[in-house]
Amino acid sequence: MARNAEAKMPSDEQKAAHVRKTRMANYHASMRLEGFCVKEGPKASNKKTLIRKYKKLAMKCA
């Protein structure tokens, strides 16, 4: 029998939002530990912009 049968279980959307939030927090913490300056606002870079940025950098160094 469940511990608290009357308690509502979180929806799938709530679980997914929690996972996204936790994953991003862990990512930012890892980056800070590696010495990177990390923005935590909505303007933070996404994967596509980072790939584009480093491809440009690679072209300059090559």
Protein backbone atom coordinates (compact mmCIF):
# COMPACT_ATOMS: atom_id res chain seq x y z
CA MET A 1 0.00 0.00 0.00
CA ALA A 2 1.24 3.52 -0.79
CA ARG A 3 2.58 5.64 2.01
CA ASN A 4 0.28 8.53 1.24
CA ALA A 5 -2.47 7.38 -1.09
CA GLU A 6 -4.15 10.78 -1.11
CA ALA A 7 -1.07 12.72 -2.27
CA LYS A 8 -1.13 13.68 -5.93
CA MET A 9 1.59 12.27 -8.11
CA PRO A 10 3.36 14.82 -10.32
CA SER A 11 2.36 14.81 -13.98
CA ASP A 12 4.72 13.76 -16.75
CA GLU A 13 5.14 17.43 -17.72
CA GLN A 14 6.13 18.33 -14.17
CA LYS A 15 8.61 15.47 -14.05
CA ALA A 16 10.12 16.50 -17.39
CA ALA A 17 10.40 20.13 -16.26
CA HIS A 18 12.12 19.03 -13.05
CA VAL A 19 14.58 16.88 -15.00
CA ARG A 20 15.37 19.75 -17.41
CA LYS A 21 15.88 22.18 -14.53
CA THR A 22 18.10 19.76 -12.59
CA ARG A 23 20.10 18.81 -15.69
CA MET A 24 20.77 22.47 -16.54
CA ALA A 25 21.74 23.26 -12.93
CA ASN A 26 24.19 20.34 -12.96
CA TYR A 27 25.60 21.45 -16.33
CA HIS A 28 26.13 25.02 -15.07
CA ALA A 29 27.78 23.75 -11.90
CA SER A 30 30.12 21.52 -13.92
CA MET A 31 31.07 24.41 -16.18
CA ARG A 32 31.77 26.66 -13.18
CA LEU A 33 33.97 23.95 -11.65
CA GLU A 34 35.93 23.78 -14.91
CA GLY A 35 36.52 27.55 -14.72
CA PHE A 36 34.05 28.77 -17.32
CA CYS A 37 31.88 31.83 -16.78
CA VAL A 38 28.30 30.63 -17.14
CA LYS A 39 25.20 32.75 -17.70
CA GLU A 40 22.13 31.28 -16.07
CA GLY A 41 19.56 33.47 -17.74
CA PRO A 42 17.39 32.80 -20.78
CA LYS A 43 20.11 34.26 -23.03
CA ALA A 44 22.52 31.42 -22.24
CA SER A 45 23.90 29.77 -25.36
CA ASN A 46 22.28 26.66 -26.66
CA LYS A 47 24.00 23.71 -28.29
CA LYS A 48 23.66 24.97 -31.88
CA THR A 49 25.15 28.39 -31.12
CA LEU A 50 28.05 26.81 -29.25
CA ILE A 51 28.80 24.47 -32.15
CA ARG A 52 28.70 27.39 -34.58
CA LYS A 53 30.99 29.44 -32.31
CA TYR A 54 33.61 26.72 -32.02
CA LYS A 55 33.51 25.88 -35.73
CA LYS A 56 34.39 29.53 -36.44
CA LEU A 57 37.17 29.36 -33.87
CA ALA A 58 38.52 26.15 -35.41
CA MET A 59 38.59 27.77 -38.86
CA LYS A 60 40.66 30.69 -37.50
CA CYS A 61 43.15 28.35 -35.84
CA ALA A 62 43.53 26.05 -38.84
